[in-house]
N, C-alpha and C. Protein backbone atom coordinates (compact mmCIF):
# COMPACT_ATOMS: atom_id res chain seq x y z
N GLY A 1 102.12 123.52 110.86
CA GLY A 1 102.37 122.20 111.18
C GLY A 1 103.39 121.34 110.30
N ASP A 2 104.15 120.80 110.92
CA ASP A 2 105.25 119.87 110.22
C ASP A 2 104.54 118.58 109.75
N GLU A 3 104.84 118.32 108.37
CA GLU A 3 104.35 117.07 107.77
C GLU A 3 104.56 116.01 108.30
N ALA A 4 105.80 115.78 108.97
CA ALA A 4 106.16 114.44 109.51
C ALA A 4 105.36 114.27 110.79
N GLU A 5 105.17 115.44 111.50
CA GLU A 5 104.09 115.26 112.88
C GLU A 5 102.65 114.84 112.47
N TRP A 6 102.25 115.33 111.41
CA TRP A 6 101.05 114.91 110.88
C TRP A 6 100.85 113.45 110.50
N GLN A 7 102.04 112.95 109.82
CA GLN A 7 101.97 111.52 109.54
C GLN A 7 102.15 110.68 110.81
N ARG A 8 102.87 111.03 111.81
CA ARG A 8 102.90 110.33 113.07
C ARG A 8 101.77 110.43 113.69
N TYR A 9 100.81 111.50 113.80
CA TYR A 9 99.46 111.46 114.29
C TYR A 9 98.59 110.60 113.61
N GLU A 10 98.66 110.62 112.19
CA GLU A 10 97.78 109.65 111.26
C GLU A 10 97.99 108.32 111.60
N ARG A 11 99.23 107.79 111.91
CA ARG A 11 99.55 106.32 112.24
C ARG A 11 99.12 106.35 113.60
N ALA A 12 99.43 107.19 114.59
CA ALA A 12 98.91 106.79 116.03
C ALA A 12 97.50 106.81 116.20
N ILE A 13 96.50 107.61 115.53
CA ILE A 13 95.22 107.58 115.59
C ILE A 13 94.59 106.39 115.17
N GLN A 14 95.28 105.65 114.15
CA GLN A 14 94.72 104.51 113.76
C GLN A 14 94.47 103.32 114.79
N VAL A 15 95.34 103.41 115.87
CA VAL A 15 95.10 102.38 116.81
C VAL A 15 93.85 102.60 117.68
N PRO A 16 93.46 103.51 118.25
CA PRO A 16 92.04 103.76 118.88
C PRO A 16 91.02 103.62 117.95
N LEU A 17 91.14 104.08 116.71
CA LEU A 17 90.07 103.95 115.89
C LEU A 17 89.89 102.68 115.37
N GLY A 18 90.88 101.70 115.22
CA GLY A 18 90.76 100.35 114.76
C GLY A 18 90.08 99.49 116.01
N ASP A 19 90.60 99.76 117.30
CA ASP A 19 89.97 99.05 118.41
C ASP A 19 88.42 99.46 118.60
N ARG A 20 88.19 100.80 118.36
CA ARG A 20 86.79 101.29 118.47
C ARG A 20 86.01 100.65 117.32
N MET A 21 86.43 100.45 116.13
CA MET A 21 85.70 99.82 115.02
C MET A 21 85.23 98.21 115.50
N ALA A 22 86.43 97.73 116.07
CA ALA A 22 86.19 96.23 116.55
C ALA A 22 85.29 96.17 117.40
N ARG A 23 85.45 96.93 118.47
CA ARG A 23 84.35 96.96 119.59
C ARG A 23 82.93 97.40 119.21
N GLU A 24 82.75 98.26 118.39
CA GLU A 24 81.54 98.62 118.03
C GLU A 24 80.96 97.55 117.26
N GLU A 25 81.60 96.97 116.39
CA GLU A 25 81.24 95.71 115.63
C GLU A 25 80.83 94.72 116.37
N LEU A 26 81.60 94.20 117.50
CA LEU A 26 81.27 93.17 118.36
C LEU A 26 80.01 93.52 119.23
N GLU A 27 79.66 94.86 119.41
CA GLU A 27 78.56 94.95 120.11
C GLU A 27 77.32 95.01 119.18
N SER A 28 77.51 94.82 117.96
CA SER A 28 76.18 95.11 116.95
C SER A 28 75.31 93.71 117.09
N ASP A 29 74.24 93.85 116.53
CA ASP A 29 73.43 92.67 116.55
C ASP A 29 73.94 91.43 115.89
N GLU A 30 74.60 91.61 114.64
CA GLU A 30 75.12 90.53 113.86
C GLU A 30 76.71 91.03 113.42
N PRO A 31 77.55 90.83 114.29
CA PRO A 31 78.95 91.26 114.05
C PRO A 31 79.53 90.53 112.99
N SER A 32 80.13 91.21 112.24
CA SER A 32 81.04 90.53 110.97
C SER A 32 82.28 90.30 111.47
N GLU A 33 82.71 89.02 111.49
CA GLU A 33 84.06 88.81 112.11
C GLU A 33 85.26 89.45 111.20
N ALA A 34 84.99 89.68 110.06
CA ALA A 34 85.92 90.29 109.11
C ALA A 34 86.28 91.73 109.52
N VAL A 35 85.08 92.44 109.76
CA VAL A 35 85.22 93.77 110.20
C VAL A 35 85.94 93.97 111.64
N VAL A 36 85.54 92.82 112.41
CA VAL A 36 86.15 92.76 113.85
C VAL A 36 87.74 92.70 113.63
N ARG A 37 88.05 91.62 112.72
CA ARG A 37 89.55 91.34 112.53
C ARG A 37 90.15 92.50 111.93
N ASP A 38 89.53 93.20 110.96
CA ASP A 38 90.18 94.38 110.36
C ASP A 38 90.36 95.50 111.34
N GLY A 39 89.55 95.50 112.26
CA GLY A 39 89.58 96.86 113.29
C GLY A 39 90.80 96.49 114.21
N PHE A 40 90.91 94.99 114.71
CA PHE A 40 91.96 94.66 115.64
C PHE A 40 93.26 94.93 115.02
N LEU A 41 93.35 94.51 113.81
CA LEU A 41 94.58 94.59 112.87
C LEU A 41 94.98 96.07 112.86
N GLN A 42 94.16 96.96 112.43
CA GLN A 42 94.39 98.36 112.55
C GLN A 42 94.88 98.76 113.92
N GLY A 43 94.33 98.20 114.83
CA GLY A 43 94.57 98.71 116.21
C GLY A 43 96.01 98.21 116.67
N GLY A 44 96.71 97.41 115.71
CA GLY A 44 98.07 97.07 115.96
C GLY A 44 98.10 95.65 116.72
N ASN A 45 97.02 94.88 116.96
CA ASN A 45 97.11 93.88 117.61
C ASN A 45 97.68 92.62 116.70
N HIS A 46 98.23 91.79 117.43
CA HIS A 46 98.78 90.50 116.60
C HIS A 46 97.90 89.72 116.14
N PRO A 47 97.90 89.19 114.84
CA PRO A 47 96.87 88.51 114.16
C PRO A 47 96.59 87.18 115.02
N GLU A 48 97.46 86.58 115.58
CA GLU A 48 97.28 85.30 116.33
C GLU A 48 96.59 85.48 117.46
N ASP A 49 96.37 86.72 118.00
CA ASP A 49 95.71 87.11 119.32
C ASP A 49 94.11 87.49 118.97
N ILE A 50 93.80 87.64 117.71
CA ILE A 50 92.50 88.21 117.63
C ILE A 50 91.36 87.15 118.04
N ALA A 51 91.56 86.00 117.72
CA ALA A 51 90.43 85.00 117.83
C ALA A 51 90.24 85.08 119.28
N GLY A 52 91.15 85.09 120.18
CA GLY A 52 91.09 84.98 121.65
C GLY A 52 90.41 86.34 122.13
N MET A 53 90.99 87.49 121.57
CA MET A 53 90.30 88.83 121.89
C MET A 53 88.71 88.72 121.60
N ILE A 54 88.20 88.26 120.56
CA ILE A 54 86.88 88.16 120.26
C ILE A 54 86.25 87.31 121.14
N ARG A 55 86.83 86.01 121.66
CA ARG A 55 86.20 85.28 122.59
C ARG A 55 86.18 85.92 123.82
N LEU A 56 87.18 86.49 124.33
CA LEU A 56 87.06 87.32 125.65
C LEU A 56 86.07 88.47 125.50
N PHE A 57 86.01 89.16 124.49
CA PHE A 57 84.93 90.24 124.48
C PHE A 57 83.51 89.51 124.40
N ARG A 58 83.17 88.41 123.88
CA ARG A 58 81.92 87.83 123.60
C ARG A 58 81.54 87.12 125.09
N TRP A 59 82.62 86.64 125.79
CA TRP A 59 82.31 86.09 127.18
C TRP A 59 82.24 87.06 128.21
N PHE A 60 82.95 88.09 128.18
CA PHE A 60 83.17 89.13 129.25
C PHE A 60 82.72 90.49 128.93
N GLY A 61 82.33 90.80 127.77
CA GLY A 61 82.15 92.17 127.30
C GLY A 61 81.33 93.00 128.18
N SER A 62 80.24 92.29 128.90
CA SER A 62 79.43 93.16 129.80
C SER A 62 79.92 93.14 131.40
N VAL A 63 80.88 92.55 131.47
CA VAL A 63 81.50 92.71 132.85
C VAL A 63 81.94 94.13 133.00
N ASP A 64 81.87 94.66 134.20
CA ASP A 64 82.09 96.10 134.51
C ASP A 64 83.28 96.72 133.83
N PHE A 65 84.58 95.91 134.44
CA PHE A 65 85.82 96.42 133.91
C PHE A 65 86.10 96.27 132.56
N MET A 66 85.32 95.42 131.81
CA MET A 66 85.31 95.27 130.27
C MET A 66 84.56 96.24 129.53
N ASP A 67 83.53 96.62 130.26
CA ASP A 67 82.35 97.53 129.72
C ASP A 67 82.79 98.99 129.49
N ARG A 68 84.03 99.26 130.10
CA ARG A 68 84.47 100.76 130.17
C ARG A 68 85.09 101.26 128.80
């Protein structure tokens, strides 16, 4: 494998891993807003969007299309 390819993979995989970290933290009994924020930032989300994303998940996280 090519080193540049590996680096592209490493950068790309951070997006779903960050979003997963945020989602799993939001689903925990006592979610840490700092961990959620870090996860969403790692996922490439704009910092100004994160508070709204947290509210959206808290309000609608159990709705069928959000729960997937």
